[in-house]
Every structure is written in C-alpha cells, then in structure tokens.
Amino acid sequence: MQQPYNIFSRSNFIKKTCKFSASYEAHSIQMHKHSFWKFVFFERGNVRHYLNEGIVNDIDEGTIILLKPNDSHEIKTRKAKTHFHVDLYANNAEFLALCELIDKNAYTKFLNAQALMTIKPDENALSYIKERLSLIQYYQKINDEAHALSVYIPLLAEMISLFWNYCVNARNDADENFYNFLAKINTPEYVCAPLEKIIQLSGYSHSHLCKIFKQKTGQSLKDYHTQLKVEYAVSLLLNAQLSILDISTALGYSSLSHFIKIFKAHTSLTPVQYRKKLIFNRDYLTKTI
C-alpha cells in the first residue's frame, strides 16, 4: 500500500547537508541564489545586505530577514571582522501549508513582496528563537531527524506568523493615513458633504484618491460615499420630526427627486415606504417586549 505523501518529509529537501538549519560566522558571503525559503537570523554583528538587483539594507544584530525562492543575496560585514548568523530553511510545500493556516492569501502576499522582508523581535521572542534553533542543530548533529522535525515545524510556524503580523500584513504609515481618512468620512459631517470636500480632506488628487480607494476597499469612492448617505438617511428616517425634504437637504442633495431615486436604487423602497416599514417594526417590537 502506498504511503500518503508527507509535506514535511526531508527526502526532497534541497540543502541536504543542513536539512533544517545551519549557522555561519563569516566576514562576507558572496552573491548567491536559493530555490527554497530561508529565514536568516543575524545573531551577532552588523551587515549590509544586497538583495537581487539594487535593494540594499543595513541589518543590525537581532534582526531576521526572509528570502523567497530564487532570491539572490549577498552579505557584507560593516563594523567588525566577522558576523554570525543562523539560517532556517523551508521547502515550498512546507511554507505553503503553514501559510494556509494563517490566511488564504498569505502565501501569495509573501511571494509578491517586493522589498526585503525584515523583523526585529522582542527579547522574549529572540530567546525562544535562539533556543529552538540551537536545539534543531543539536538534533541534526546527532542525526536525530524525528526530534529535529518536532522542534522545526512549530518554530517555522512561529517565524511565518511573526513575519505575517509584523511585516507582510502590517499596515504602513500610508495605510494608517488611509484608514484614518476612511474613519473620518464615515462621520455625519463628511457623509453630508460634497465629494469635493472629501477629496480635499484626503490630500490626494481626485484621480489618485479614486485609484487607491478602489485598491483598499474594492469600491469606487463615489459608490462608497453614496452608500454612506443612504445608510445615514435610514437613521434619520426614524426621526418623525424630519420631512423627506429635510433629510434630502441635510444630505446635500439639491433635488428631492434625485435623492428619492438614489435611495430607492439602494433599498428597493422610497424614503416614505422605508419610514413606514421602520416605524411599523419599531412599534411591533415595542408591543412585544
């Protein structure tokens, strides 16, 4: 009977001499390429790292970088005669399987990363990583692959998770600015404002804002803003003191008929019909409580 394929089997692993992990003390390491995923933990020394064509980063001790299959890289020591780093290897099947446990899009995001992926874990995380790497290498040395594998898989999962949370999926400053902007345009002041005021708030040109808005939300800015207006109109309909014209004017519509047309397109009801439905539901709930 044929045995099921085990993605964590090392039989097809490329770097046979190291299998899981290896450590190096060197002045520099010349440009070379890998066909597997590699985490590089710089435990001692400061280096200049060269990735592919033209991506240069100064790396301090305590930093971990992640290299993709087919990345080319070179390491040159900056402030001392030598540096010391430890590598952790993963074949593509292993990396993919663990990424899918984190997020269905994680593997693709890792693979599409353009800049050098780096993290600098806190002391607790660093201590754990050092201890696990040392243990893996000890088991490798005595040819105890079963124990090495039992330490390797959880460590690999932890490393992927760290890079996902703090590097690949982390929001950068531009992301934070966008989501702050998004939160602000959800307030009544900007829901009721014309689109031109929202564009001015963003600090971008109209075309650029529309482009990044679509990328971030999957919607056009105009459609998103219209949806906000309709949702706010629904909340205002509960106030019986406000006429439909009052609500239309408050939302910035110059034409009542246009407001009714937009509202019905989103809710399948006119504002008057929707108000009756809201009041009926409210009265019904009041009687049954």
C-alpha atoms as a PDB file:
ATOM      1  CA  MET A   1       0.000   0.000   0.000  1.00  0.00           C
ATOM      2  CA  GLN A   2       1.400   3.379  -0.972  1.00  0.00           C
ATOM      3  CA  GLN A   3       2.102   5.713   1.945  1.00  0.00           C
ATOM      4  CA  PRO A   4       0.494   9.192   1.837  1.00  0.00           C
ATOM      5  CA  TYR A   5       2.857  11.999   0.901  1.00  0.00           C
ATOM      6  CA  ASN A   6       4.148  13.908   3.909  1.00  0.00           C
ATOM      7  CA  ILE A   7       4.932  17.528   3.042  1.00  0.00           C
ATOM      8  CA  PHE A   8       7.333  17.690   5.988  1.00  0.00           C
ATOM      9  CA  SER A   9       9.439  14.784   4.743  1.00  0.00           C
ATOM     10  CA  ARG A  10      13.010  15.915   4.147  1.00  0.00           C
ATOM     11  CA  SER A  11      13.656  13.396   1.359  1.00  0.00           C
ATOM     12  CA  ASN A  12      13.311  16.040  -1.336  1.00  0.00           C
ATOM     13  CA  PHE A  13      14.900  18.872   0.604  1.00  0.00           C
ATOM     14  CA  ILE A  14      17.442  20.804  -1.444  1.00  0.00           C
ATOM     15  CA  LYS A  15      20.075  21.598   1.154  1.00  0.00           C
ATOM     16  CA  LYS A  16      20.918  18.017   2.144  1.00  0.00           C
ATOM     17  CA  THR A  17      23.921  18.930   4.271  1.00  0.00           C
ATOM     18  CA  CYS A  18      21.922  21.209   6.575  1.00  0.00           C
ATOM     19  CA  LYS A  19      18.349  19.922   6.230  1.00  0.00           C
ATOM     20  CA  PHE A  20      16.652  22.272   8.696  1.00  0.00           C
ATOM     21  CA  SER A  21      19.158  24.868   9.838  1.00  0.00           C
ATOM     22  CA  ALA A  22      22.776  25.963   9.634  1.00  0.00           C
ATOM     23  CA  SER A  23      24.954  28.607  11.296  1.00  0.00           C
ATOM     24  CA  TYR A  24      27.742  30.692   9.768  1.00  0.00           C
ATOM     25  CA  GLU A  25      30.459  33.006  11.046  1.00  0.00           C
ATOM     26  CA  ALA A  26      31.975  34.953   8.194  1.00  0.00           C
ATOM     27  CA  HIS A  27      33.245  38.324   7.018  1.00  0.00           C
ATOM     28  CA  SER A  28      31.040  38.275   3.937  1.00  0.00           C
ATOM     29  CA  ILE A  29      29.014  35.887   1.816  1.00  0.00           C
ATOM     30  CA  GLN A  30      29.092  36.378  -1.926  1.00  0.00           C
ATOM     31  CA  MET A  31      26.009  36.825  -4.092  1.00  0.00           C
ATOM     32  CA  HIS A  32      24.170  33.513  -4.442  1.00  0.00           C
ATOM     33  CA  LYS A  33      20.682  32.189  -5.113  1.00  0.00           C
ATOM     34  CA  HIS A  34      18.406  29.679  -3.332  1.00  0.00           C
ATOM     35  CA  SER A  35      15.474  27.669  -4.639  1.00  0.00           C
ATOM     36  CA  PHE A  36      13.846  27.482  -1.192  1.00  0.00           C
ATOM     37  CA  TRP A  37      12.562  29.819   1.538  1.00  0.00           C
ATOM     38  CA  LYS A  38      15.175  30.956   4.037  1.00  0.00           C
ATOM     39  CA  PHE A  39      14.984  32.866   7.319  1.00  0.00           C
ATOM     40  CA  VAL A  40      18.299  34.483   8.254  1.00  0.00           C
ATOM     41  CA  PHE A  41      18.737  35.404  11.931  1.00  0.00           C
ATOM     42  CA  PHE A  42      21.619  37.856  12.481  1.00  0.00           C
ATOM     43  CA  GLU A  43      22.683  36.988  15.998  1.00  0.00           C
ATOM     44  CA  ARG A  44      25.922  38.996  16.127  1.00  0.00           C
ATOM     45  CA  GLY A  45      27.474  41.811  14.109  1.00  0.00           C
ATOM     46  CA  ASN A  46      26.155  44.456  11.701  1.00  0.00           C
ATOM     47  CA  VAL A  47      25.978  43.771   7.983  1.00  0.00           C
ATOM     48  CA  ARG A  48      24.996  45.321   4.689  1.00  0.00           C
ATOM     49  CA  HIS A  49      22.608  43.102   2.786  1.00  0.00           C
ATOM     50  CA  TYR A  50      22.175  43.152  -1.004  1.00  0.00           C
ATOM     51  CA  LEU A  51      19.003  41.637  -2.466  1.00  0.00           C
ATOM     52  CA  ASN A  52      18.514  40.858  -6.150  1.00  0.00           C
ATOM     53  CA  GLU A  53      19.213  43.951  -8.233  1.00  0.00           C
ATOM     54  CA  GLY A  54      19.703  47.112  -6.217  1.00  0.00           C
ATOM     55  CA  ILE A  55      17.877  46.530  -2.910  1.00  0.00           C
ATOM     56  CA  VAL A  56      20.352  47.397  -0.150  1.00  0.00           C
ATOM     57  CA  ASN A  57      19.643  47.276   3.608  1.00  0.00           C
ATOM     58  CA  ASP A  58      21.816  47.782   6.674  1.00  0.00           C
ATOM     59  CA  ILE A  59      20.998  44.981   9.115  1.00  0.00           C
ATOM     60  CA  ASP A  60      21.676  45.102  12.863  1.00  0.00           C
ATOM     61  CA  GLU A  61      22.077  42.142  15.192  1.00  0.00           C
ATOM     62  CA  GLY A  62      18.793  40.752  16.435  1.00  0.00           C
ATOM     63  CA  THR A  63      17.195  41.219  13.011  1.00  0.00           C
ATOM     64  CA  ILE A  64      15.661  38.385  10.996  1.00  0.00           C
ATOM     65  CA  ILE A  65      15.153  38.533   7.241  1.00  0.00           C
ATOM     66  CA  LEU A  66      13.120  36.271   4.989  1.00  0.00           C
ATOM     67  CA  LEU A  67      14.258  35.329   1.498  1.00  0.00           C
ATOM     68  CA  LYS A  68      11.987  33.865  -1.169  1.00  0.00           C
ATOM     69  CA  PRO A  69      12.812  31.083  -3.633  1.00  0.00           C
ATOM     70  CA  ASN A  70      15.012  32.410  -6.442  1.00  0.00           C
ATOM     71  CA  ASP A  71      16.072  35.497  -4.479  1.00  0.00           C
ATOM     72  CA  SER A  72      19.751  36.368  -4.931  1.00  0.00           C
ATOM     73  CA  HIS A  73      21.517  37.933  -1.973  1.00  0.00           C
ATOM     74  CA  GLU A  74      24.907  38.943  -0.624  1.00  0.00           C
ATOM     75  CA  ILE A  75      26.051  39.778   2.915  1.00  0.00           C
ATOM     76  CA  LYS A  76      28.955  42.104   3.806  1.00  0.00           C
ATOM     77  CA  THR A  77      30.073  42.837   7.364  1.00  0.00           C
ATOM     78  CA  ARG A  78      30.052  46.550   8.267  1.00  0.00           C
ATOM     79  CA  LYS A  79      31.612  47.197  11.689  1.00  0.00           C
ATOM     80  CA  ALA A  80      33.534  44.100  12.678  1.00  0.00           C
ATOM     81  CA  LYS A  81      35.769  41.474  11.150  1.00  0.00           C
ATOM     82  CA  THR A  82      33.024  38.871  11.180  1.00  0.00           C
ATOM     83  CA  HIS A  83      29.340  38.469  11.761  1.00  0.00           C
ATOM     84  CA  PHE A  84      27.349  35.451  12.930  1.00  0.00           C
ATOM     85  CA  HIS A  85      24.002  34.385  11.525  1.00  0.00           C
ATOM     86  CA  VAL A  86      21.782  31.318  11.634  1.00  0.00           C
ATOM     87  CA  ASP A  87      19.630  30.105   8.742  1.00  0.00           C
ATOM     88  CA  LEU A  88      16.323  28.273   8.914  1.00  0.00           C
ATOM     89  CA  TYR A  89      15.230  26.597   5.680  1.00  0.00           C
ATOM     90  CA  ALA A  90      11.798  25.649   4.348  1.00  0.00           C
ATOM     91  CA  ASN A  91      10.818  23.997   1.104  1.00  0.00           C
ATOM     92  CA  ASN A  92       7.888  25.417  -0.823  1.00  0.00           C
ATOM     93  CA  ALA A  93       5.363  22.760   0.233  1.00  0.00           C
ATOM     94  CA  GLU A  94       6.093  23.349   3.920  1.00  0.00           C
ATOM     95  CA  PHE A  95       5.875  27.121   3.597  1.00  0.00           C
ATOM     96  CA  LEU A  96       2.606  26.963   1.631  1.00  0.00           C
ATOM     97  CA  ALA A  97       0.969  24.542   4.092  1.00  0.00           C
ATOM     98  CA  LEU A  98       1.761  26.724   7.098  1.00  0.00           C
ATOM     99  CA  CYS A  99       0.731  29.934   5.302  1.00  0.00           C
ATOM    100  CA  GLU A 100      -2.699  28.445   4.610  1.00  0.00           C
ATOM    101  CA  LEU A 101      -3.207  28.004   8.356  1.00  0.00           C
ATOM    102  CA  ILE A 102      -2.743  31.774   8.792  1.00  0.00           C
ATOM    103  CA  ASP A 103      -4.682  33.277   5.886  1.00  0.00           C
ATOM    104  CA  LYS A 104      -5.808  32.057   2.475  1.00  0.00           C
ATOM    105  CA  ASN A 105      -3.905  34.940   0.826  1.00  0.00           C
ATOM    106  CA  ALA A 106      -0.780  34.746   2.992  1.00  0.00           C
ATOM    107  CA  TYR A 107       1.369  32.697   0.623  1.00  0.00           C
ATOM    108  CA  THR A 108       0.611  34.979  -2.328  1.00  0.00           C
ATOM    109  CA  LYS A 109       1.398  38.085  -0.279  1.00  0.00           C
ATOM    110  CA  PHE A 110       4.724  36.622   0.846  1.00  0.00           C
ATOM    111  CA  LEU A 111       5.581  35.627  -2.712  1.00  0.00           C
ATOM    112  CA  ASN A 112       4.686  39.066  -4.121  1.00  0.00           C
ATOM    113  CA  ALA A 113       6.644  41.085  -1.549  1.00  0.00           C
ATOM    114  CA  GLN A 114       8.998  43.421  -3.389  1.00  0.00           C
ATOM    115  CA  ALA A 115      11.157  44.862  -0.605  1.00  0.00           C
ATOM    116  CA  LEU A 116      13.367  42.868   1.757  1.00  0.00           C
ATOM    117  CA  MET A 117      11.174  41.297   4.448  1.00  0.00           C
ATOM    118  CA  THR A 118      12.646  42.043   7.901  1.00  0.00           C
ATOM    119  CA  ILE A 119      11.537  41.921  11.529  1.00  0.00           C
ATOM    120  CA  LYS A 120      13.269  42.645  14.830  1.00  0.00           C
ATOM    121  CA  PRO A 121      11.519  40.549  17.510  1.00  0.00           C
ATOM    122  CA  ASP A 122      11.437  41.488  21.191  1.00  0.00           C
ATOM    123  CA  GLU A 123      13.777  39.823  23.719  1.00  0.00           C
ATOM    124  CA  ASN A 124      11.326  37.064  24.654  1.00  0.00           C
ATOM    125  CA  ALA A 125      10.757  36.072  21.038  1.00  0.00           C
ATOM    126  CA  LEU A 126      14.501  36.237  20.299  1.00  0.00           C
ATOM    127  CA  SER A 127      15.330  33.986  23.247  1.00  0.00           C
ATOM    128  CA  TYR A 128      12.760  31.445  22.091  1.00  0.00           C
ATOM    129  CA  ILE A 129      14.076  31.508  18.509  1.00  0.00           C
ATOM    130  CA  LYS A 130      17.715  31.136  19.619  1.00  0.00           C
ATOM    131  CA  GLU A 131      16.893  28.224  21.898  1.00  0.00           C
ATOM    132  CA  ARG A 132      14.843  26.431  19.231  1.00  0.00           C
ATOM    133  CA  LEU A 133      17.494  26.930  16.530  1.00  0.00           C
ATOM    134  CA  SER A 134      20.218  25.570  18.825  1.00  0.00           C
ATOM    135  CA  LEU A 135      18.081  22.558  19.627  1.00  0.00           C
ATOM    136  CA  ILE A 136      17.388  21.827  15.953  1.00  0.00           C
ATOM    137  CA  GLN A 137      21.086  21.984  15.143  1.00  0.00           C
ATOM    138  CA  TYR A 138      21.911  19.705  18.066  1.00  0.00           C
ATOM    139  CA  TYR A 139      19.452  17.073  16.840  1.00  0.00           C
ATOM    140  CA  GLN A 140      20.823  17.443  13.308  1.00  0.00           C
ATOM    141  CA  LYS A 141      24.333  16.841  14.583  1.00  0.00           C
ATOM    142  CA  ILE A 142      23.402  13.542  16.230  1.00  0.00           C
ATOM    143  CA  ASN A 143      21.234  12.556  13.230  1.00  0.00           C
ATOM    144  CA  ASP A 144      18.008  12.535  15.243  1.00  0.00           C
ATOM    145  CA  GLU A 145      15.716  13.747  12.495  1.00  0.00           C
ATOM    146  CA  ALA A 146      12.467  12.899  14.312  1.00  0.00           C
ATOM    147  CA  HIS A 147      13.284  15.196  17.248  1.00  0.00           C
ATOM    148  CA  ALA A 148      14.690  17.863  14.935  1.00  0.00           C
ATOM    149  CA  LEU A 149      11.437  17.840  12.981  1.00  0.00           C
ATOM    150  CA  SER A 150       9.336  18.070  16.163  1.00  0.00           C
ATOM    151  CA  VAL A 151      11.119  21.330  17.042  1.00  0.00           C
ATOM    152  CA  TYR A 152      11.417  22.604  13.472  1.00  0.00           C
ATOM    153  CA  ILE A 153       7.729  22.653  12.479  1.00  0.00           C
ATOM    154  CA  PRO A 154       6.473  24.767  15.441  1.00  0.00           C
ATOM    155  CA  LEU A 155       9.424  27.140  15.033  1.00  0.00           C
ATOM    156  CA  LEU A 156       8.790  27.515  11.306  1.00  0.00           C
ATOM    157  CA  ALA A 157       5.115  28.242  12.017  1.00  0.00           C
ATOM    158  CA  GLU A 158       6.115  30.856  14.626  1.00  0.00           C
ATOM    159  CA  MET A 159       8.547  32.553  12.231  1.00  0.00           C
ATOM    160  CA  ILE A 160       5.974  32.719   9.430  1.00  0.00           C
ATOM    161  CA  SER A 161       3.411  34.114  11.873  1.00  0.00           C
ATOM    162  CA  LEU A 162       5.838  36.804  13.098  1.00  0.00           C
ATOM    163  CA  PHE A 163       6.608  37.942   9.556  1.00  0.00           C
ATOM    164  CA  TRP A 164       2.914  37.899   8.642  1.00  0.00           C
ATOM    165  CA  ASN A 165       1.877  40.017  11.624  1.00  0.00           C
ATOM    166  CA  TYR A 166       4.769  42.487  11.740  1.00  0.00           C
ATOM    167  CA  CYS A 167       5.955  42.728   8.147  1.00  0.00           C
ATOM    168  CA  VAL A 168       3.883  41.341   5.276  1.00  0.00           C
ATOM    169  CA  ASN A 169       0.381  42.067   6.614  1.00  0.00           C
ATOM    170  CA  ALA A 170       1.271  45.017   8.846  1.00  0.00           C
ATOM    171  CA  ARG A 171      -0.113  48.419   7.955  1.00  0.00           C
ATOM    172  CA  ASN A 172       2.453  51.013   6.997  1.00  0.00           C
ATOM    173  CA  ASP A 173       2.148  54.758   7.554  1.00  0.00           C
ATOM    174  CA  ALA A 174       0.342  55.208   4.248  1.00  0.00           C
ATOM    175  CA  ASP A 175      -2.172  52.537   5.254  1.00  0.00           C
ATOM    176  CA  GLU A 176      -2.753  54.192   8.627  1.00  0.00           C
ATOM    177  CA  ASN A 177      -3.335  57.556   6.939  1.00  0.00           C
ATOM    178  CA  PHE A 178      -5.854  55.978   4.584  1.00  0.00           C
ATOM    179  CA  TYR A 179      -7.813  54.191   7.322  1.00  0.00           C
ATOM    180  CA  ASN A 180      -7.854  57.339   9.438  1.00  0.00           C
ATOM    181  CA  PHE A 181      -9.248  59.148   6.401  1.00  0.00           C
ATOM    182  CA  LEU A 182     -11.827  56.375   5.931  1.00  0.00           C
ATOM    183  CA  ALA A 183     -12.965  56.674   9.558  1.00  0.00           C
ATOM    184  CA  LYS A 184     -13.352  60.442   9.205  1.00  0.00           C
ATOM    185  CA  ILE A 185     -15.517  60.300   6.088  1.00  0.00           C
ATOM    186  CA  ASN A 186     -17.881  57.966   7.972  1.00  0.00           C
ATOM    187  CA  THR A 187     -18.820  60.825  10.327  1.00  0.00           C
ATOM    188  CA  PRO A 188     -22.027  62.861   9.640  1.00  0.00           C
ATOM    189  CA  GLU A 189     -20.011  65.960   8.744  1.00  0.00           C
ATOM    190  CA  TYR A 190     -18.422  64.254   5.733  1.00  0.00           C
ATOM    191  CA  VAL A 191     -21.314  61.927   4.891  1.00  0.00           C
ATOM    192  CA  CYS A 192     -23.356  65.069   4.221  1.00  0.00           C
ATOM    193  CA  ALA A 193     -20.501  66.887   2.496  1.00  0.00           C
ATOM    194  CA  PRO A 194     -19.991  67.073  -1.267  1.00  0.00           C
ATOM    195  CA  LEU A 195     -17.441  64.710  -2.812  1.00  0.00           C
ATOM    196  CA  GLU A 196     -15.095  67.632  -3.498  1.00  0.00           C
ATOM    197  CA  LYS A 197     -14.695  68.263   0.252  1.00  0.00           C
ATOM    198  CA  ILE A 198     -13.788  64.599   0.816  1.00  0.00           C
ATOM    199  CA  ILE A 199     -11.166  64.718  -1.923  1.00  0.00           C
ATOM    200  CA  GLN A 200      -9.724  67.865  -0.338  1.00  0.00           C
ATOM    201  CA  LEU A 201      -9.623  66.118   3.058  1.00  0.00           C
ATOM    202  CA  SER A 202      -7.559  63.244   1.642  1.00  0.00           C
ATOM    203  CA  GLY A 203      -4.743  65.475   0.401  1.00  0.00           C
ATOM    204  CA  TYR A 204      -4.611  63.479  -2.869  1.00  0.00           C
ATOM    205  CA  SER A 205      -5.614  64.405  -6.369  1.00  0.00           C
ATOM    206  CA  HIS A 206      -9.031  63.158  -7.474  1.00  0.00           C
ATOM    207  CA  SER A 207      -7.580  60.503  -9.788  1.00  0.00           C
ATOM    208  CA  HIS A 208      -5.037  59.221  -7.258  1.00  0.00           C
ATOM    209  CA  LEU A 209      -7.589  59.025  -4.439  1.00  0.00           C
ATOM    210  CA  CYS A 210     -10.010  57.111  -6.658  1.00  0.00           C
ATOM    211  CA  LYS A 211      -7.230  54.671  -7.563  1.00  0.00           C
ATOM    212  CA  ILE A 212      -6.054  53.897  -4.020  1.00  0.00           C
ATOM    213  CA  PHE A 213      -9.640  53.889  -2.691  1.00  0.00           C
ATOM    214  CA  LYS A 214     -10.574  51.156  -5.150  1.00  0.00           C
ATOM    215  CA  GLN A 215      -7.437  49.189  -4.227  1.00  0.00           C
ATOM    216  CA  LYS A 216      -8.117  49.381  -0.491  1.00  0.00           C
ATOM    217  CA  THR A 217     -11.900  48.907  -0.379  1.00  0.00           C
ATOM    218  CA  GLY A 218     -12.892  47.246  -3.642  1.00  0.00           C
ATOM    219  CA  GLN A 219     -15.400  50.077  -4.228  1.00  0.00           C
ATOM    220  CA  SER A 220     -15.266  53.352  -6.076  1.00  0.00           C
ATOM    221  CA  LEU A 221     -15.143  56.457  -3.877  1.00  0.00           C
ATOM    222  CA  LYS A 222     -18.431  57.705  -5.373  1.00  0.00           C
ATOM    223  CA  ASP A 223     -20.275  54.429  -4.700  1.00  0.00           C
ATOM    224  CA  TYR A 224     -18.901  54.250  -1.160  1.00  0.00           C
ATOM    225  CA  HIS A 225     -19.939  57.820  -0.376  1.00  0.00           C
ATOM    226  CA  THR A 226     -23.413  57.274  -1.825  1.00  0.00           C
ATOM    227  CA  GLN A 227     -23.844  54.135   0.297  1.00  0.00           C
ATOM    228  CA  LEU A 228     -22.889  56.145   3.403  1.00  0.00           C
ATOM    229  CA  LYS A 229     -25.504  58.765   2.526  1.00  0.00           C
ATOM    230  CA  VAL A 230     -28.228  56.136   2.152  1.00  0.00           C
ATOM    231  CA  GLU A 231     -27.304  54.471   5.455  1.00  0.00           C
ATOM    232  CA  TYR A 232     -27.361  57.843   7.221  1.00  0.00           C
ATOM    233  CA  ALA A 233     -30.687  58.669   5.597  1.00  0.00           C
ATOM    234  CA  VAL A 234     -32.126  55.454   7.038  1.00  0.00           C
ATOM    235  CA  SER A 235     -31.102  56.528  10.550  1.00  0.00           C
ATOM    236  CA  LEU A 236     -32.658  59.988  10.007  1.00  0.00           C
ATOM    237  CA  LEU A 237     -35.949  58.473   8.845  1.00  0.00           C
ATOM    238  CA  LEU A 238     -36.576  57.295  12.405  1.00  0.00           C
ATOM    239  CA  ASN A 239     -36.896  60.954  13.420  1.00  0.00           C
ATOM    240  CA  ALA A 240     -40.546  61.739  12.599  1.00  0.00           C
ATOM    241  CA  GLN A 241     -39.855  65.460  13.015  1.00  0.00           C
ATOM    242  CA  LEU A 242     -37.767  65.470   9.833  1.00  0.00           C
ATOM    243  CA  SER A 243     -39.510  65.561   6.466  1.00  0.00           C
ATOM    244  CA  ILE A 244     -38.100  63.684   3.473  1.00  0.00           C
ATOM    245  CA  LEU A 245     -37.123  67.080   2.045  1.00  0.00           C
ATOM    246  CA  ASP A 246     -35.298  67.947   5.295  1.00  0.00           C
ATOM    247  CA  ILE A 247     -33.306  64.709   5.056  1.00  0.00           C
ATOM    248  CA  SER A 248     -32.560  65.189   1.365  1.00  0.00           C
ATOM    249  CA  THR A 249     -31.299  68.737   2.002  1.00  0.00           C
ATOM    250  CA  ALA A 250     -29.241  67.674   5.056  1.00  0.00           C
ATOM    251  CA  LEU A 251     -27.506  65.050   2.931  1.00  0.00           C
ATOM    252  CA  GLY A 252     -26.532  67.656   0.365  1.00  0.00           C
ATOM    253  CA  TYR A 253     -28.948  66.761  -2.415  1.00  0.00           C
ATOM    254  CA  SER A 254     -30.229  69.778  -4.357  1.00  0.00           C
ATOM    255  CA  SER A 255     -33.016  67.740  -5.920  1.00  0.00           C
ATOM    256  CA  LEU A 256     -35.559  65.775  -3.877  1.00  0.00           C
ATOM    257  CA  SER A 257     -36.436  63.561  -6.835  1.00  0.00           C
ATOM    258  CA  HIS A 258     -32.769  62.658  -7.291  1.00  0.00           C
ATOM    259  CA  PHE A 259     -32.455  61.725  -3.596  1.00  0.00           C
ATOM    260  CA  ILE A 260     -35.571  59.502  -3.830  1.00  0.00           C
ATOM    261  CA  LYS A 261     -34.196  57.828  -6.964  1.00  0.00           C
ATOM    262  CA  ILE A 262     -30.821  57.102  -5.299  1.00  0.00           C
ATOM    263  CA  PHE A 263     -32.480  55.868  -2.099  1.00  0.00           C
ATOM    264  CA  LYS A 264     -34.787  53.502  -3.946  1.00  0.00           C
ATOM    265  CA  ALA A 265     -31.926  52.141  -6.065  1.00  0.00           C
ATOM    266  CA  HIS A 266     -30.143  51.052  -2.851  1.00  0.00           C
ATOM    267  CA  THR A 267     -33.109  49.894  -0.741  1.00  0.00           C
ATOM    268  CA  SER A 268     -35.841  48.982  -3.291  1.00  0.00           C
ATOM    269  CA  LEU A 269     -38.183  51.335  -1.371  1.00  0.00           C
ATOM    270  CA  THR A 270     -38.872  55.064  -1.478  1.00  0.00           C
ATOM    271  CA  PRO A 271     -37.939  57.013   1.689  1.00  0.00           C
ATOM    272  CA  VAL A 272     -41.658  57.258   2.623  1.00  0.00           C
ATOM    273  CA  GLN A 273     -42.141  53.494   2.234  1.00  0.00           C
ATOM    274  CA  TYR A 274     -38.949  52.783   4.181  1.00  0.00           C
ATOM    275  CA  ARG A 275     -40.033  55.117   7.011  1.00  0.00           C
ATOM    276  CA  LYS A 276     -43.374  53.296   7.296  1.00  0.00           C
ATOM    277  CA  LYS A 277     -41.524  49.987   7.463  1.00  0.00           C
ATOM    278  CA  LEU A 278     -39.156  51.277  10.164  1.00  0.00           C
ATOM    279  CA  ILE A 279     -41.969  52.697  12.279  1.00  0.00           C
ATOM    280  CA  PHE A 280     -44.030  49.508  11.930  1.00  0.00           C
ATOM    281  CA  ASN A 281     -41.092  47.346  13.020  1.00  0.00           C
ATOM    282  CA  ARG A 282     -40.325  49.670  15.926  1.00  0.00           C
ATOM    283  CA  ASP A 283     -43.937  49.708  17.134  1.00  0.00           C
ATOM    284  CA  TYR A 284     -44.180  45.938  16.774  1.00  0.00           C
ATOM    285  CA  LEU A 285     -41.052  45.370  18.850  1.00  0.00           C
ATOM    286  CA  THR A 286     -42.308  47.843  21.492  1.00  0.00           C
ATOM    287  CA  LYS A 287     -45.579  45.914  21.895  1.00  0.00           C
ATOM    288  CA  THR A 288     -43.892  42.502  22.118  1.00  0.00           C
ATOM    289  CA  ILE A 289     -41.259  43.446  24.695  1.00  0.00           C
END
